[in-house]
Amino acid sequence: MNVFEQTENGDLVELVKAAQQGDREAFGQLFERFERHVLAIALRRLNDFAEAQELCQDVFIQAMTKIQQLRQPEAFAGWLRSITNRMAINRVVRHGHDQPLDNEVLEQNCVEEQTPLEFALEDERKVRVREGLAQLGEVDRETLEAFYVRGQSLLEMADAFDAPLGTIKRRLHVARKRLAKHVEELVAV
């Protein structure tokens, strides 16, 4: 089971609450628990181990400085994943794309984590999500794209949409539910 998908999170919630109160040891335990998963996401996004390690450190520094802003301690894993994805996207945008590698070097260093079936299922899910997005209203689609595609924070979205933060949170919540409903309908067909 992926750490990001754990359902037994009682001790996780306690660690997060302690870290929010300034307990560095609790944050250290969170770091130990999530470091591998943050590194895996970073590596998948950046395709460079050294860059991924550096990003992993930056993510945990960001998380440590912003942990008081996390209102729902049980959402720590998703919050950390979101930080990782956003920071990885920002790093790629700032640094541009790397030069292509020689095929021999690529084959020696490439590790496939997914089977061909998993790749096919992932592609199918992407198609369903795109189809679901196309069925959404403009506000829902723009809200989801701003958060997930462009990686905007809720505050950035509030500025861009000229709406209060609470409205943005509600829009994002409602848009997710509507997208899930459309995706379920596409699967049922």
C-alpha atoms as a PDB file:
ATOM      1  CA  MET A   1       0.000   0.000   0.000  1.00  0.00           C
ATOM      2  CA  ASN A   2       1.288   3.417  -0.953  1.00  0.00           C
ATOM      3  CA  VAL A   3       2.009   5.773   1.945  1.00  0.00           C
ATOM      4  CA  PHE A   4      -0.081   8.386   0.140  1.00  0.00           C
ATOM      5  CA  GLU A   5      -3.073   6.043   0.269  1.00  0.00           C
ATOM      6  CA  GLN A   6      -2.887   4.833   3.871  1.00  0.00           C
ATOM      7  CA  THR A   7      -6.191   4.561   5.653  1.00  0.00           C
ATOM      8  CA  GLU A   8      -4.755   3.926   9.107  1.00  0.00           C
ATOM      9  CA  ASN A   9      -3.608   7.455   9.726  1.00  0.00           C
ATOM     10  CA  GLY A  10      -4.187   7.945  13.450  1.00  0.00           C
ATOM     11  CA  ASP A  11      -0.484   8.115  14.216  1.00  0.00           C
ATOM     12  CA  LEU A  12       0.060  10.201  11.088  1.00  0.00           C
ATOM     13  CA  VAL A  13      -2.496  12.765  12.280  1.00  0.00           C
ATOM     14  CA  GLU A  14      -0.785  12.914  15.680  1.00  0.00           C
ATOM     15  CA  LEU A  15       2.638  13.422  14.054  1.00  0.00           C
ATOM     16  CA  VAL A  16       1.269  16.207  11.856  1.00  0.00           C
ATOM     17  CA  LYS A  17      -0.396  17.927  14.809  1.00  0.00           C
ATOM     18  CA  ALA A  18       2.819  17.694  16.821  1.00  0.00           C
ATOM     19  CA  ALA A  19       4.825  19.076  13.877  1.00  0.00           C
ATOM     20  CA  GLN A  20       2.336  21.939  13.584  1.00  0.00           C
ATOM     21  CA  GLN A  21       3.071  22.746  17.232  1.00  0.00           C
ATOM     22  CA  GLY A  22       6.798  22.995  16.412  1.00  0.00           C
ATOM     23  CA  ASP A  23       7.897  19.455  17.344  1.00  0.00           C
ATOM     24  CA  ARG A  24      10.939  18.918  15.099  1.00  0.00           C
ATOM     25  CA  GLU A  25      11.204  15.255  16.029  1.00  0.00           C
ATOM     26  CA  ALA A  26       7.647  14.679  14.807  1.00  0.00           C
ATOM     27  CA  PHE A  27       8.468  16.434  11.542  1.00  0.00           C
ATOM     28  CA  GLY A  28      11.602  14.276  11.284  1.00  0.00           C
ATOM     29  CA  GLN A  29       9.425  11.184  11.534  1.00  0.00           C
ATOM     30  CA  LEU A  30       7.154  12.559   8.802  1.00  0.00           C
ATOM     31  CA  PHE A  31      10.257  13.142   6.690  1.00  0.00           C
ATOM     32  CA  GLU A  32      11.435   9.564   7.220  1.00  0.00           C
ATOM     33  CA  ARG A  33       7.996   8.190   6.399  1.00  0.00           C
ATOM     34  CA  PHE A  34       7.460  10.213   3.197  1.00  0.00           C
ATOM     35  CA  GLU A  35      10.974  10.880   1.838  1.00  0.00           C
ATOM     36  CA  ARG A  36      11.017   7.870  -0.532  1.00  0.00           C
ATOM     37  CA  HIS A  37       7.622   8.723  -1.965  1.00  0.00           C
ATOM     38  CA  VAL A  38       8.431  12.389  -2.500  1.00  0.00           C
ATOM     39  CA  LEU A  39      11.706  11.358  -4.137  1.00  0.00           C
ATOM     40  CA  ALA A  40       9.854   8.913  -6.411  1.00  0.00           C
ATOM     41  CA  ILE A  41       7.426  11.603  -7.565  1.00  0.00           C
ATOM     42  CA  ALA A  42      10.264  14.059  -8.096  1.00  0.00           C
ATOM     43  CA  LEU A  43      12.298  11.510 -10.045  1.00  0.00           C
ATOM     44  CA  ARG A  44       9.312  10.629 -12.223  1.00  0.00           C
ATOM     45  CA  ARG A  45       8.728  14.315 -12.973  1.00  0.00           C
ATOM     46  CA  LEU A  46      12.352  15.430 -13.416  1.00  0.00           C
ATOM     47  CA  ASN A  47      14.068  12.311 -14.793  1.00  0.00           C
ATOM     48  CA  ASP A  48      17.267  13.294 -12.987  1.00  0.00           C
ATOM     49  CA  PHE A  49      18.244  11.723  -9.679  1.00  0.00           C
ATOM     50  CA  ALA A  50      20.362  14.634  -8.425  1.00  0.00           C
ATOM     51  CA  GLU A  51      17.617  17.139  -9.319  1.00  0.00           C
ATOM     52  CA  ALA A  52      15.032  14.890  -7.669  1.00  0.00           C
ATOM     53  CA  GLN A  53      17.071  14.710  -4.456  1.00  0.00           C
ATOM     54  CA  GLU A  54      17.437  18.476  -4.395  1.00  0.00           C
ATOM     55  CA  LEU A  55      13.723  18.935  -5.043  1.00  0.00           C
ATOM     56  CA  CYS A  56      12.913  16.448  -2.268  1.00  0.00           C
ATOM     57  CA  GLN A  57      14.867  18.588   0.212  1.00  0.00           C
ATOM     58  CA  ASP A  58      13.159  21.743  -1.057  1.00  0.00           C
ATOM     59  CA  VAL A  59       9.732  20.107  -0.700  1.00  0.00           C
ATOM     60  CA  PHE A  60      10.345  19.211   2.931  1.00  0.00           C
ATOM     61  CA  ILE A  61      11.697  22.674   3.700  1.00  0.00           C
ATOM     62  CA  GLN A  62       8.553  24.141   2.133  1.00  0.00           C
ATOM     63  CA  ALA A  63       6.366  21.687   4.049  1.00  0.00           C
ATOM     64  CA  MET A  64       8.105  22.488   7.335  1.00  0.00           C
ATOM     65  CA  THR A  65       7.617  26.228   6.891  1.00  0.00           C
ATOM     66  CA  LYS A  66       3.986  25.904   5.746  1.00  0.00           C
ATOM     67  CA  ILE A  67       2.730  23.006   7.908  1.00  0.00           C
ATOM     68  CA  GLN A  68       0.741  25.356  10.159  1.00  0.00           C
ATOM     69  CA  GLN A  69      -1.398  26.220   7.117  1.00  0.00           C
ATOM     70  CA  LEU A  70      -2.565  22.611   6.765  1.00  0.00           C
ATOM     71  CA  ARG A  71      -6.057  22.632   8.258  1.00  0.00           C
ATOM     72  CA  GLN A  72      -6.738  18.912   7.987  1.00  0.00           C
ATOM     73  CA  PRO A  73      -3.817  16.867   9.355  1.00  0.00           C
ATOM     74  CA  GLU A  74      -5.242  13.695   7.795  1.00  0.00           C
ATOM     75  CA  ALA A  75      -4.708  15.311   4.376  1.00  0.00           C
ATOM     76  CA  PHE A  76      -0.934  15.616   4.923  1.00  0.00           C
ATOM     77  CA  ALA A  77      -0.011  12.974   2.333  1.00  0.00           C
ATOM     78  CA  GLY A  78      -2.049  14.583  -0.451  1.00  0.00           C
ATOM     79  CA  TRP A  79      -0.860  18.036   0.574  1.00  0.00           C
ATOM     80  CA  LEU A  80       2.775  16.885   0.398  1.00  0.00           C
ATOM     81  CA  ARG A  81       2.166  15.226  -2.990  1.00  0.00           C
ATOM     82  CA  SER A  82       0.617  18.452  -4.259  1.00  0.00           C
ATOM     83  CA  ILE A  83       3.629  20.484  -3.084  1.00  0.00           C
ATOM     84  CA  THR A  84       5.964  18.001  -4.764  1.00  0.00           C
ATOM     85  CA  ASN A  85       4.113  18.074  -8.071  1.00  0.00           C
ATOM     86  CA  ARG A  86       3.851  21.864  -8.104  1.00  0.00           C
ATOM     87  CA  MET A  87       7.512  22.403  -7.235  1.00  0.00           C
ATOM     88  CA  ALA A  88       8.601  19.824  -9.831  1.00  0.00           C
ATOM     89  CA  ILE A  89       6.544  21.548 -12.524  1.00  0.00           C
ATOM     90  CA  ASN A  90       8.014  24.907 -11.544  1.00  0.00           C
ATOM     91  CA  ARG A  91      11.539  23.493 -11.673  1.00  0.00           C
ATOM     92  CA  VAL A  92      10.988  22.009 -15.144  1.00  0.00           C
ATOM     93  CA  VAL A  93       9.527  25.271 -16.413  1.00  0.00           C
ATOM     94  CA  ARG A  94      12.408  27.319 -14.991  1.00  0.00           C
ATOM     95  CA  HIS A  95      15.203  25.013 -16.129  1.00  0.00           C
ATOM     96  CA  GLY A  96      13.704  23.930 -19.449  1.00  0.00           C
ATOM     97  CA  HIS A  97      14.083  20.490 -20.908  1.00  0.00           C
ATOM     98  CA  ASP A  98      17.327  18.568 -20.660  1.00  0.00           C
ATOM     99  CA  GLN A  99      19.273  17.425 -23.677  1.00  0.00           C
ATOM    100  CA  PRO A 100      18.282  13.971 -24.934  1.00  0.00           C
ATOM    101  CA  LEU A 101      20.468  11.132 -23.689  1.00  0.00           C
ATOM    102  CA  ASP A 102      22.347   8.610 -25.734  1.00  0.00           C
ATOM    103  CA  ASN A 103      20.198   5.449 -26.123  1.00  0.00           C
ATOM    104  CA  GLU A 104      22.833   3.250 -24.473  1.00  0.00           C
ATOM    105  CA  VAL A 105      23.027   5.496 -21.401  1.00  0.00           C
ATOM    106  CA  LEU A 106      19.245   5.661 -21.275  1.00  0.00           C
ATOM    107  CA  GLU A 107      18.867   1.872 -21.374  1.00  0.00           C
ATOM    108  CA  GLN A 108      21.421   1.428 -18.571  1.00  0.00           C
ATOM    109  CA  ASN A 109      19.668   3.893 -16.268  1.00  0.00           C
ATOM    110  CA  CYS A 110      16.028   3.403 -17.153  1.00  0.00           C
ATOM    111  CA  VAL A 111      13.917   1.476 -14.681  1.00  0.00           C
ATOM    112  CA  GLU A 112      10.335   0.750 -15.671  1.00  0.00           C
ATOM    113  CA  GLU A 113       8.045   0.867 -12.694  1.00  0.00           C
ATOM    114  CA  GLN A 114       4.913   0.029 -14.665  1.00  0.00           C
ATOM    115  CA  THR A 115       3.936  -2.936 -16.766  1.00  0.00           C
ATOM    116  CA  PRO A 116       2.548  -2.464 -20.283  1.00  0.00           C
ATOM    117  CA  LEU A 117      -0.938  -3.177 -18.899  1.00  0.00           C
ATOM    118  CA  GLU A 118      -0.503  -0.434 -16.295  1.00  0.00           C
ATOM    119  CA  PHE A 119       0.620   1.988 -19.015  1.00  0.00           C
ATOM    120  CA  ALA A 120      -2.462   1.095 -21.085  1.00  0.00           C
ATOM    121  CA  LEU A 121      -4.785   1.543 -18.101  1.00  0.00           C
ATOM    122  CA  GLU A 122      -3.165   4.871 -17.244  1.00  0.00           C
ATOM    123  CA  ASP A 123      -3.630   6.072 -20.823  1.00  0.00           C
ATOM    124  CA  GLU A 124      -7.268   4.993 -20.705  1.00  0.00           C
ATOM    125  CA  ARG A 125      -7.782   6.917 -17.439  1.00  0.00           C
ATOM    126  CA  LYS A 126      -6.224  10.010 -19.006  1.00  0.00           C
ATOM    127  CA  VAL A 127      -8.606   9.765 -21.960  1.00  0.00           C
ATOM    128  CA  ARG A 128     -11.578   9.426 -19.584  1.00  0.00           C
ATOM    129  CA  VAL A 129     -10.458  12.450 -17.575  1.00  0.00           C
ATOM    130  CA  ARG A 130     -10.027  14.531 -20.744  1.00  0.00           C
ATOM    131  CA  GLU A 131     -13.480  13.467 -21.947  1.00  0.00           C
ATOM    132  CA  GLY A 132     -14.918  14.274 -18.514  1.00  0.00           C
ATOM    133  CA  LEU A 133     -13.251  17.706 -18.547  1.00  0.00           C
ATOM    134  CA  ALA A 134     -14.772  18.389 -21.953  1.00  0.00           C
ATOM    135  CA  GLN A 135     -18.241  17.735 -20.517  1.00  0.00           C
ATOM    136  CA  LEU A 136     -17.802  20.155 -17.608  1.00  0.00           C
ATOM    137  CA  GLY A 137     -18.906  23.756 -17.604  1.00  0.00           C
ATOM    138  CA  GLU A 138     -16.347  26.464 -18.267  1.00  0.00           C
ATOM    139  CA  VAL A 139     -15.904  27.500 -14.608  1.00  0.00           C
ATOM    140  CA  ASP A 140     -15.381  23.895 -13.434  1.00  0.00           C
ATOM    141  CA  ARG A 141     -12.946  23.118 -16.260  1.00  0.00           C
ATOM    142  CA  GLU A 142     -10.938  26.327 -15.747  1.00  0.00           C
ATOM    143  CA  THR A 143     -10.782  25.731 -11.994  1.00  0.00           C
ATOM    144  CA  LEU A 144      -9.461  22.182 -12.367  1.00  0.00           C
ATOM    145  CA  GLU A 145      -6.984  23.169 -15.075  1.00  0.00           C
ATOM    146  CA  ALA A 146      -5.652  26.070 -13.007  1.00  0.00           C
ATOM    147  CA  PHE A 147      -5.022  23.853  -9.984  1.00  0.00           C
ATOM    148  CA  TYR A 148      -3.924  20.564 -11.568  1.00  0.00           C
ATOM    149  CA  VAL A 149      -2.493  21.507 -14.950  1.00  0.00           C
ATOM    150  CA  ARG A 150      -0.947  24.905 -14.292  1.00  0.00           C
ATOM    151  CA  GLY A 151      -0.180  24.091 -10.650  1.00  0.00           C
ATOM    152  CA  GLN A 152      -1.580  27.330  -9.279  1.00  0.00           C
ATOM    153  CA  SER A 153      -2.045  27.635  -5.538  1.00  0.00           C
ATOM    154  CA  LEU A 154      -5.447  28.472  -4.112  1.00  0.00           C
ATOM    155  CA  LEU A 155      -4.265  32.028  -3.437  1.00  0.00           C
ATOM    156  CA  GLU A 156      -3.025  32.427  -7.005  1.00  0.00           C
ATOM    157  CA  MET A 157      -6.355  31.124  -8.256  1.00  0.00           C
ATOM    158  CA  ALA A 158      -8.252  33.558  -6.020  1.00  0.00           C
ATOM    159  CA  ASP A 159      -6.286  36.404  -7.607  1.00  0.00           C
ATOM    160  CA  ALA A 160      -6.676  35.067 -11.155  1.00  0.00           C
ATOM    161  CA  PHE A 161     -10.425  34.437 -10.803  1.00  0.00           C
ATOM    162  CA  ASP A 162     -10.931  37.571  -8.709  1.00  0.00           C
ATOM    163  CA  ALA A 163     -12.823  35.543  -6.112  1.00  0.00           C
ATOM    164  CA  PRO A 164     -12.490  34.940  -2.363  1.00  0.00           C
ATOM    165  CA  LEU A 165     -10.365  31.994  -1.224  1.00  0.00           C
ATOM    166  CA  GLY A 166     -13.416  30.198   0.185  1.00  0.00           C
ATOM    167  CA  THR A 167     -15.162  30.441  -3.174  1.00  0.00           C
ATOM    168  CA  ILE A 168     -12.120  28.959  -4.924  1.00  0.00           C
ATOM    169  CA  LYS A 169     -12.014  26.065  -2.449  1.00  0.00           C
ATOM    170  CA  ARG A 170     -15.724  25.411  -2.984  1.00  0.00           C
ATOM    171  CA  ARG A 171     -15.363  25.604  -6.785  1.00  0.00           C
ATOM    172  CA  LEU A 172     -12.466  23.157  -6.694  1.00  0.00           C
ATOM    173  CA  HIS A 173     -14.404  20.749  -4.471  1.00  0.00           C
ATOM    174  CA  VAL A 174     -17.536  20.925  -6.630  1.00  0.00           C
ATOM    175  CA  ALA A 175     -15.555  20.650  -9.877  1.00  0.00           C
ATOM    176  CA  ARG A 176     -13.770  17.512  -8.612  1.00  0.00           C
ATOM    177  CA  LYS A 177     -17.107  15.890  -7.749  1.00  0.00           C
ATOM    178  CA  ARG A 178     -18.597  16.791 -11.123  1.00  0.00           C
ATOM    179  CA  LEU A 179     -15.556  15.446 -12.950  1.00  0.00           C
ATOM    180  CA  ALA A 180     -15.706  12.216 -10.939  1.00  0.00           C
ATOM    181  CA  LYS A 181     -19.371  11.843 -11.858  1.00  0.00           C
ATOM    182  CA  HIS A 182     -18.629  12.355 -15.582  1.00  0.00           C
ATOM    183  CA  VAL A 183     -15.728   9.907 -15.454  1.00  0.00           C
ATOM    184  CA  GLU A 184     -17.942   7.300 -13.727  1.00  0.00           C
ATOM    185  CA  GLU A 185     -20.587   7.776 -16.447  1.00  0.00           C
ATOM    186  CA  LEU A 186     -17.963   7.255 -19.142  1.00  0.00           C
ATOM    187  CA  VAL A 187     -16.822   4.039 -17.490  1.00  0.00           C
ATOM    188  CA  ALA A 188     -20.396   2.765 -17.242  1.00  0.00           C
ATOM    189  CA  VAL A 189     -21.013   3.295 -20.962  1.00  0.00           C
END
